[in-house]
Amino acid sequence: MVRRLSGRRSGSGQRNNLSRVLFFVTMTMMTLLLTACGDAPQSTLIRKGDAAARIWDVYGFLWIGAAVVFFLVEGLLVYTIIRYRRV
């Protein structure tokens, strides 16, 4: 005796898998198509122009701020591990 779950049709799993595969293939093809646009490679690290120089200054400020926060947090972490370790 075969028991079926109510609300599910037989074969719907295959259609669902097929639609997932088609979606994945479509998104992959769209990504490849859109990344091929443009003549020259784009980079945020190559500075050309006044606006790029200002943006680079902001990057530097953010990197310094992130480094300060990182070292403070890591220092507190090491201090806490050493101070409250069980002997």
PDB file of N, CA and C in Angstrom:
ATOM      1  N   MET A   1       0.836  -1.168   0.000  1.00  0.00           N
ATOM      2  CA  MET A   1       0.000   0.000   0.000  1.00  0.00           C
ATOM      3  C   MET A   1       0.891   1.245   0.000  1.00  0.00           C
ATOM      4  N   VAL A   2       0.659   2.127  -0.954  1.00  0.00           N
ATOM      5  CA  VAL A   2       1.444   3.341  -1.094  1.00  0.00           C
ATOM      6  C   VAL A   2       0.719   4.471  -0.387  1.00  0.00           C
ATOM      7  N   ARG A   3       1.483   5.175   0.429  1.00  0.00           N
ATOM      8  CA  ARG A   3       0.882   6.264   1.188  1.00  0.00           C
ATOM      9  C   ARG A   3       1.409   7.592   0.642  1.00  0.00           C
ATOM     10  N   ARG A   4       0.523   8.487   0.333  1.00  0.00           N
ATOM     11  CA  ARG A   4       0.923   9.793  -0.173  1.00  0.00           C
ATOM     12  C   ARG A   4       0.602  10.858   0.861  1.00  0.00           C
ATOM     13  N   LEU A   5       1.494  11.838   0.915  1.00  0.00           N
ATOM     14  CA  LEU A   5       1.241  12.962   1.807  1.00  0.00           C
ATOM     15  C   LEU A   5       0.217  13.875   1.163  1.00  0.00           C
ATOM     16  N   SER A   6      -0.697  14.381   1.954  1.00  0.00           N
ATOM     17  CA  SER A   6      -1.719  15.261   1.395  1.00  0.00           C
ATOM     18  C   SER A   6      -1.076  16.598   1.018  1.00  0.00           C
ATOM     19  N   GLY A   7      -1.509  17.164  -0.074  1.00  0.00           N
ATOM     20  CA  GLY A   7      -1.005  18.445  -0.509  1.00  0.00           C
ATOM     21  C   GLY A   7       0.204  18.369  -1.422  1.00  0.00           C
ATOM     22  N   ARG A   8       0.741  17.212  -1.660  1.00  0.00           N
ATOM     23  CA  ARG A   8       1.903  17.077  -2.541  1.00  0.00           C
ATOM     24  C   ARG A   8       1.525  16.208  -3.729  1.00  0.00           C
ATOM     25  N   ARG A   9       1.893  16.667  -4.897  1.00  0.00           N
ATOM     26  CA  ARG A   9       1.643  15.876  -6.094  1.00  0.00           C
ATOM     27  C   ARG A   9       2.902  15.115  -6.457  1.00  0.00           C
ATOM     28  N   SER A  10       2.739  13.954  -6.995  1.00  0.00           N
ATOM     29  CA  SER A  10       3.904  13.202  -7.430  1.00  0.00           C
ATOM     30  C   SER A  10       4.491  13.886  -8.660  1.00  0.00           C
ATOM     31  N   GLY A  11       5.800  13.989  -8.697  1.00  0.00           N
ATOM     32  CA  GLY A  11       6.467  14.608  -9.827  1.00  0.00           C
ATOM     33  C   GLY A  11       6.722  16.089  -9.653  1.00  0.00           C
ATOM     34  N   SER A  12       6.162  16.721  -8.629  1.00  0.00           N
ATOM     35  CA  SER A  12       6.370  18.157  -8.447  1.00  0.00           C
ATOM     36  C   SER A  12       7.807  18.450  -8.028  1.00  0.00           C
ATOM     37  N   GLY A  13       8.475  17.491  -7.397  1.00  0.00           N
ATOM     38  CA  GLY A  13       9.863  17.688  -7.007  1.00  0.00           C
ATOM     39  C   GLY A  13      10.779  17.804  -8.211  1.00  0.00           C
ATOM     40  N   GLN A  14      10.476  17.056  -9.266  1.00  0.00           N
ATOM     41  CA  GLN A  14      11.301  17.125 -10.472  1.00  0.00           C
ATOM     42  C   GLN A  14      11.150  18.484 -11.149  1.00  0.00           C
ATOM     43  N   ARG A  15       9.929  19.008 -11.194  1.00  0.00           N
ATOM     44  CA  ARG A  15       9.717  20.323 -11.791  1.00  0.00           C
ATOM     45  C   ARG A  15      10.396  21.401 -10.961  1.00  0.00           C
ATOM     46  N   ASN A  16      10.360  21.241  -9.652  1.00  0.00           N
ATOM     47  CA  ASN A  16      10.985  22.218  -8.776  1.00  0.00           C
ATOM     48  C   ASN A  16      12.499  22.206  -8.976  1.00  0.00           C
ATOM     49  N   ASN A  17      13.084  21.027  -9.080  1.00  0.00           N
ATOM     50  CA  ASN A  17      14.523  20.919  -9.324  1.00  0.00           C
ATOM     51  C   ASN A  17      14.889  21.495 -10.682  1.00  0.00           C
ATOM     52  N   LEU A  18      14.076  21.245 -11.685  1.00  0.00           N
ATOM     53  CA  LEU A  18      14.333  21.773 -13.018  1.00  0.00           C
ATOM     54  C   LEU A  18      14.289  23.300 -13.009  1.00  0.00           C
ATOM     55  N   SER A  19      13.330  23.875 -12.306  1.00  0.00           N
ATOM     56  CA  SER A  19      13.251  25.334 -12.252  1.00  0.00           C
ATOM     57  C   SER A  19      14.445  25.916 -11.507  1.00  0.00           C
ATOM     58  N   ARG A  20      14.937  25.237 -10.483  1.00  0.00           N
ATOM     59  CA  ARG A  20      16.127  25.706  -9.773  1.00  0.00           C
ATOM     60  C   ARG A  20      17.355  25.653 -10.676  1.00  0.00           C
ATOM     61  N   VAL A  21      17.489  24.586 -11.434  1.00  0.00           N
ATOM     62  CA  VAL A  21      18.626  24.462 -12.346  1.00  0.00           C
ATOM     63  C   VAL A  21      18.554  25.547 -13.417  1.00  0.00           C
ATOM     64  N   LEU A  22      17.378  25.765 -13.982  1.00  0.00           N
ATOM     65  CA  LEU A  22      17.214  26.804 -14.996  1.00  0.00           C
ATOM     66  C   LEU A  22      17.509  28.189 -14.422  1.00  0.00           C
ATOM     67  N   PHE A  23      17.076  28.447 -13.198  1.00  0.00           N
ATOM     68  CA  PHE A  23      17.359  29.717 -12.556  1.00  0.00           C
ATOM     69  C   PHE A  23      18.860  29.890 -12.367  1.00  0.00           C
ATOM     70  N   PHE A  24      19.535  28.857 -11.885  1.00  0.00           N
ATOM     71  CA  PHE A  24      20.979  28.918 -11.669  1.00  0.00           C
ATOM     72  C   PHE A  24      21.721  29.160 -12.980  1.00  0.00           C
ATOM     73  N   VAL A  25      21.353  28.456 -14.015  1.00  0.00           N
ATOM     74  CA  VAL A  25      22.007  28.618 -15.324  1.00  0.00           C
ATOM     75  C   VAL A  25      21.763  30.025 -15.864  1.00  0.00           C
ATOM     76  N   THR A  26      20.540  30.524 -15.740  1.00  0.00           N
ATOM     77  CA  THR A  26      20.221  31.865 -16.219  1.00  0.00           C
ATOM     78  C   THR A  26      21.028  32.920 -15.469  1.00  0.00           C
ATOM     79  N   MET A  27      21.088  32.805 -14.156  1.00  0.00           N
ATOM     80  CA  MET A  27      21.842  33.793 -13.373  1.00  0.00           C
ATOM     81  C   MET A  27      23.339  33.721 -13.677  1.00  0.00           C
ATOM     82  N   THR A  28      23.851  32.529 -13.899  1.00  0.00           N
ATOM     83  CA  THR A  28      25.265  32.385 -14.248  1.00  0.00           C
ATOM     84  C   THR A  28      25.556  33.031 -15.594  1.00  0.00           C
ATOM     85  N   MET A  29      24.708  32.807 -16.565  1.00  0.00           N
ATOM     86  CA  MET A  29      24.902  33.396 -17.888  1.00  0.00           C
ATOM     87  C   MET A  29      24.781  34.918 -17.834  1.00  0.00           C
ATOM     88  N   MET A  30      23.823  35.439 -17.058  1.00  0.00           N
ATOM     89  CA  MET A  30      23.672  36.885 -16.925  1.00  0.00           C
ATOM     90  C   MET A  30      24.901  37.497 -16.259  1.00  0.00           C
ATOM     91  N   THR A  31      25.431  36.832 -15.247  1.00  0.00           N
ATOM     92  CA  THR A  31      26.623  37.330 -14.566  1.00  0.00           C
ATOM     93  C   THR A  31      27.807  37.372 -15.519  1.00  0.00           C
ATOM     94  N   LEU A  32      28.007  36.307 -16.264  1.00  0.00           N
ATOM     95  CA  LEU A  32      29.107  36.274 -17.222  1.00  0.00           C
ATOM     96  C   LEU A  32      28.938  37.335 -18.309  1.00  0.00           C
ATOM     97  N   LEU A  33      27.723  37.545 -18.743  1.00  0.00           N
ATOM     98  CA  LEU A  33      27.458  38.544 -19.769  1.00  0.00           C
ATOM     99  C   LEU A  33      27.730  39.949 -19.248  1.00  0.00           C
ATOM    100  N   LEU A  34      27.285  40.241 -18.030  1.00  0.00           N
ATOM    101  CA  LEU A  34      27.442  41.583 -17.491  1.00  0.00           C
ATOM    102  C   LEU A  34      28.879  41.881 -17.063  1.00  0.00           C
ATOM    103  N   THR A  35      29.643  40.878 -16.686  1.00  0.00           N
ATOM    104  CA  THR A  35      31.029  41.137 -16.307  1.00  0.00           C
ATOM    105  C   THR A  35      31.923  41.345 -17.516  1.00  0.00           C
ATOM    106  N   ALA A  36      31.440  41.011 -18.687  1.00  0.00           N
ATOM    107  CA  ALA A  36      32.237  41.195 -19.895  1.00  0.00           C
ATOM    108  C   ALA A  36      32.087  42.598 -20.471  1.00  0.00           C
ATOM    109  N   CYS A  37      31.251  43.432 -19.861  1.00  0.00           N
ATOM    110  CA  CYS A  37      31.041  44.791 -20.370  1.00  0.00           C
ATOM    111  C   CYS A  37      32.218  45.687 -20.028  1.00  0.00           C
ATOM    112  N   GLY A  38      32.560  46.582 -20.921  1.00  0.00           N
ATOM    113  CA  GLY A  38      33.615  47.560 -20.665  1.00  0.00           C
ATOM    114  C   GLY A  38      34.896  47.223 -21.389  1.00  0.00           C
ATOM    115  N   ASP A  39      35.679  48.275 -21.682  1.00  0.00           N
ATOM    116  CA  ASP A  39      36.931  48.092 -22.407  1.00  0.00           C
ATOM    117  C   ASP A  39      38.117  47.862 -21.486  1.00  0.00           C
ATOM    118  N   ALA A  40      38.187  48.632 -20.413  1.00  0.00           N
ATOM    119  CA  ALA A  40      39.351  48.573 -19.533  1.00  0.00           C
ATOM    120  C   ALA A  40      38.942  48.021 -18.165  1.00  0.00           C
ATOM    121  N   PRO A  41      39.865  47.375 -17.501  1.00  0.00           N
ATOM    122  CA  PRO A  41      39.546  46.895 -16.153  1.00  0.00           C
ATOM    123  C   PRO A  41      39.352  48.070 -15.205  1.00  0.00           C
ATOM    124  N   GLN A  42      38.380  47.953 -14.323  1.00  0.00           N
ATOM    125  CA  GLN A  42      38.107  49.020 -13.377  1.00  0.00           C
ATOM    126  C   GLN A  42      38.751  48.682 -12.047  1.00  0.00           C
ATOM    127  N   SER A  43      39.276  49.704 -11.392  1.00  0.00           N
ATOM    128  CA  SER A  43      39.934  49.500 -10.115  1.00  0.00           C
ATOM    129  C   SER A  43      39.713  50.711  -9.235  1.00  0.00           C
ATOM    130  N   THR A  44      39.449  50.491  -7.966  1.00  0.00           N
ATOM    131  CA  THR A  44      39.327  51.601  -7.027  1.00  0.00           C
ATOM    132  C   THR A  44      40.681  52.000  -6.481  1.00  0.00           C
ATOM    133  N   LEU A  45      41.718  51.222  -6.772  1.00  0.00           N
ATOM    134  CA  LEU A  45      43.035  51.505  -6.235  1.00  0.00           C
ATOM    135  C   LEU A  45      43.873  52.385  -7.145  1.00  0.00           C
ATOM    136  N   ILE A  46      43.475  52.548  -8.396  1.00  0.00           N
ATOM    137  CA  ILE A  46      44.205  53.404  -9.331  1.00  0.00           C
ATOM    138  C   ILE A  46      43.561  54.790  -9.283  1.00  0.00           C
ATOM    139  N   ARG A  47      44.327  55.789  -8.861  1.00  0.00           N
ATOM    140  CA  ARG A  47      43.784  57.138  -8.682  1.00  0.00           C
ATOM    141  C   ARG A  47      43.974  57.956  -9.941  1.00  0.00           C
ATOM    142  N   LYS A  48      42.874  58.433 -10.513  1.00  0.00           N
ATOM    143  CA  LYS A  48      42.908  59.323 -11.668  1.00  0.00           C
ATOM    144  C   LYS A  48      41.860  60.407 -11.429  1.00  0.00           C
ATOM    145  N   GLY A  49      42.313  61.628 -11.264  1.00  0.00           N
ATOM    146  CA  GLY A  49      41.377  62.727 -11.083  1.00  0.00           C
ATOM    147  C   GLY A  49      41.278  63.170  -9.632  1.00  0.00           C
ATOM    148  N   ASP A  50      40.635  64.336  -9.468  1.00  0.00           N
ATOM    149  CA  ASP A  50      40.508  64.928  -8.143  1.00  0.00           C
ATOM    150  C   ASP A  50      39.556  64.140  -7.246  1.00  0.00           C
ATOM    151  N   ALA A  51      38.447  63.685  -7.803  1.00  0.00           N
ATOM    152  CA  ALA A  51      37.478  62.944  -7.003  1.00  0.00           C
ATOM    153  C   ALA A  51      38.086  61.637  -6.494  1.00  0.00           C
ATOM    154  N   ALA A  52      38.871  60.984  -7.328  1.00  0.00           N
ATOM    155  CA  ALA A  52      39.501  59.724  -6.918  1.00  0.00           C
ATOM    156  C   ALA A  52      40.500  59.958  -5.792  1.00  0.00           C
ATOM    157  N   ALA A  53      41.200  61.079  -5.828  1.00  0.00           N
ATOM    158  CA  ALA A  53      42.152  61.394  -4.755  1.00  0.00           C
ATOM    159  C   ALA A  53      41.418  61.619  -3.433  1.00  0.00           C
ATOM    160  N   ARG A  54      40.277  62.293  -3.479  1.00  0.00           N
ATOM    161  CA  ARG A  54      39.486  62.506  -2.259  1.00  0.00           C
ATOM    162  C   ARG A  54      38.932  61.190  -1.728  1.00  0.00           C
ATOM    163  N   ILE A  55      38.480  60.334  -2.628  1.00  0.00           N
ATOM    164  CA  ILE A  55      37.972  59.023  -2.212  1.00  0.00           C
ATOM    165  C   ILE A  55      39.087  58.208  -1.584  1.00  0.00           C
ATOM    166  N   TRP A  56      40.273  58.283  -2.147  1.00  0.00           N
ATOM    167  CA  TRP A  56      41.423  57.562  -1.591  1.00  0.00           C
ATOM    168  C   TRP A  56      41.757  58.055  -0.185  1.00  0.00           C
ATOM    169  N   ASP A  57      41.615  59.367   0.051  1.00  0.00           N
ATOM    170  CA  ASP A  57      41.831  59.916   1.388  1.00  0.00           C
ATOM    171  C   ASP A  57      40.824  59.347   2.387  1.00  0.00           C
ATOM    172  N   VAL A  58      39.578  59.193   1.957  1.00  0.00           N
ATOM    173  CA  VAL A  58      38.557  58.601   2.829  1.00  0.00           C
ATOM    174  C   VAL A  58      38.904  57.143   3.115  1.00  0.00           C
ATOM    175  N   TYR A  59      39.362  56.411   2.094  1.00  0.00           N
ATOM    176  CA  TYR A  59      39.787  55.024   2.318  1.00  0.00           C
ATOM    177  C   TYR A  59      40.890  54.953   3.374  1.00  0.00           C
ATOM    178  N   GLY A  60      41.870  55.842   3.267  1.00  0.00           N
ATOM    179  CA  GLY A  60      42.958  55.853   4.239  1.00  0.00           C
ATOM    180  C   GLY A  60      42.446  56.110   5.645  1.00  0.00           C
ATOM    181  N   PHE A  61      41.544  57.085   5.781  1.00  0.00           N
ATOM    182  CA  PHE A  61      40.958  57.387   7.085  1.00  0.00           C
ATOM    183  C   PHE A  61      40.215  56.177   7.651  1.00  0.00           C
ATOM    184  N   LEU A  62      39.445  55.519   6.804  1.00  0.00           N
ATOM    185  CA  LEU A  62      38.688  54.348   7.262  1.00  0.00           C
ATOM    186  C   LEU A  62      39.609  53.199   7.662  1.00  0.00           C
ATOM    187  N   TRP A  63      40.676  52.972   6.886  1.00  0.00           N
ATOM    188  CA  TRP A  63      41.619  51.897   7.227  1.00  0.00           C
ATOM    189  C   TRP A  63      42.307  52.157   8.553  1.00  0.00           C
ATOM    190  N   ILE A  64      42.698  53.407   8.785  1.00  0.00           N
ATOM    191  CA  ILE A  64      43.347  53.734  10.059  1.00  0.00           C
ATOM    192  C   ILE A  64      42.373  53.547  11.214  1.00  0.00           C
ATOM    193  N   GLY A  65      41.151  54.014  11.050  1.00  0.00           N
ATOM    194  CA  GLY A  65      40.130  53.831  12.090  1.00  0.00           C
ATOM    195  C   GLY A  65      39.845  52.365  12.364  1.00  0.00           C
ATOM    196  N   ALA A  66      39.740  51.566  11.303  1.00  0.00           N
ATOM    197  CA  ALA A  66      39.485  50.140  11.472  1.00  0.00           C
ATOM    198  C   ALA A  66      40.651  49.448  12.165  1.00  0.00           C
ATOM    199  N   ALA A  67      41.873  49.855  11.846  1.00  0.00           N
ATOM    200  CA  ALA A  67      43.052  49.255  12.481  1.00  0.00           C
ATOM    201  C   ALA A  67      43.094  49.594  13.971  1.00  0.00           C
ATOM    202  N   VAL A  68      42.764  50.837  14.325  1.00  0.00           N
ATOM    203  CA  VAL A  68      42.746  51.229  15.736  1.00  0.00           C
ATOM    204  C   VAL A  68      41.708  50.417  16.506  1.00  0.00           C
ATOM    205  N   VAL A  69      40.501  50.310  15.962  1.00  0.00           N
ATOM    206  CA  VAL A  69      39.454  49.528  16.630  1.00  0.00           C
ATOM    207  C   VAL A  69      39.865  48.068  16.738  1.00  0.00           C
ATOM    208  N   PHE A  70      40.452  47.509  15.686  1.00  0.00           N
ATOM    209  CA  PHE A  70      40.887  46.113  15.704  1.00  0.00           C
ATOM    210  C   PHE A  70      41.889  45.870  16.824  1.00  0.00           C
ATOM    211  N   PHE A  71      42.916  46.731  16.911  1.00  0.00           N
ATOM    212  CA  PHE A  71      43.938  46.514  17.935  1.00  0.00           C
ATOM    213  C   PHE A  71      43.393  46.733  19.338  1.00  0.00           C
ATOM    214  N   LEU A  72      42.465  47.662  19.517  1.00  0.00           N
ATOM    215  CA  LEU A  72      41.841  47.829  20.833  1.00  0.00           C
ATOM    216  C   LEU A  72      41.049  46.589  21.240  1.00  0.00           C
ATOM    217  N   VAL A  73      40.240  46.085  20.336  1.00  0.00           N
ATOM    218  CA  VAL A  73      39.424  44.905  20.644  1.00  0.00           C
ATOM    219  C   VAL A  73      40.309  43.690  20.897  1.00  0.00           C
ATOM    220  N   GLU A  74      41.308  43.493  20.049  1.00  0.00           N
ATOM    221  CA  GLU A  74      42.198  42.348  20.240  1.00  0.00           C
ATOM    222  C   GLU A  74      43.004  42.469  21.527  1.00  0.00           C
ATOM    223  N   GLY A  75      43.436  43.672  21.864  1.00  0.00           N
ATOM    224  CA  GLY A  75      44.147  43.882  23.120  1.00  0.00           C
ATOM    225  C   GLY A  75      43.276  43.566  24.323  1.00  0.00           C
ATOM    226  N   LEU A  76      42.023  44.028  24.285  1.00  0.00           N
ATOM    227  CA  LEU A  76      41.101  43.706  25.374  1.00  0.00           C
ATOM    228  C   LEU A  76      40.811  42.213  25.440  1.00  0.00           C
ATOM    229  N   LEU A  77      40.728  41.580  24.311  1.00  0.00           N
ATOM    230  CA  LEU A  77      40.487  40.142  24.280  1.00  0.00           C
ATOM    231  C   LEU A  77      41.655  39.377  24.908  1.00  0.00           C
ATOM    232  N   VAL A  78      42.857  39.714  24.524  1.00  0.00           N
ATOM    233  CA  VAL A  78      44.040  39.044  25.085  1.00  0.00           C
ATOM    234  C   VAL A  78      44.136  39.319  26.586  1.00  0.00           C
ATOM    235  N   TYR A  79      43.892  40.583  27.001  1.00  0.00           N
ATOM    236  CA  TYR A  79      43.919  40.922  28.423  1.00  0.00           C
ATOM    237  C   TYR A  79      42.892  40.094  29.197  1.00  0.00           C
ATOM    238  N   THR A  80      41.671  39.983  28.660  1.00  0.00           N
ATOM    239  CA  THR A  80      40.611  39.230  29.334  1.00  0.00           C
ATOM    240  C   THR A  80      40.960  37.752  29.419  1.00  0.00           C
ATOM    241  N   ILE A  81      41.516  37.199  28.371  1.00  0.00           N
ATOM    242  CA  ILE A  81      41.892  35.780  28.383  1.00  0.00           C
ATOM    243  C   ILE A  81      42.974  35.520  29.422  1.00  0.00           C
ATOM    244  N   ILE A  82      43.974  36.391  29.495  1.00  0.00           N
ATOM    245  CA  ILE A  82      45.061  36.202  30.457  1.00  0.00           C
ATOM    246  C   ILE A  82      44.582  36.463  31.882  1.00  0.00           C
ATOM    247  N   ARG A  83      43.797  37.516  32.087  1.00  0.00           N
ATOM    248  CA  ARG A  83      43.359  37.919  33.433  1.00  0.00           C
ATOM    249  C   ARG A  83      42.412  36.910  34.049  1.00  0.00           C
ATOM    250  N   TYR A  84      41.478  36.376  33.294  1.00  0.00           N
ATOM    251  CA  TYR A  84      40.425  35.528  33.846  1.00  0.00           C
ATOM    252  C   TYR A  84      40.561  34.052  33.477  1.00  0.00           C
ATOM    253  N   ARG A  85      41.746  33.609  33.160  1.00  0.00           N
ATOM    254  CA  ARG A  85      41.920  32.199  32.850  1.00  0.00           C
ATOM    255  C   ARG A  85      41.880  31.383  34.143  1.00  0.00           C
ATOM    256  N   ARG A  86      41.479  30.158  33.980  1.00  0.00           N
ATOM    257  CA  ARG A  86      41.436  29.260  35.145  1.00  0.00           C
ATOM    258  C   ARG A  86      42.782  28.578  35.269  1.00  0.00           C
ATOM    259  N   VAL A  87      43.237  28.485  36.475  1.00  0.00           N
ATOM    260  CA  VAL A  87      44.539  27.867  36.731  1.00  0.00           C
ATOM    261  C   VAL A  87      44.348  26.468  37.227  1.00  0.00           C
TER     262      VAL A  87
END
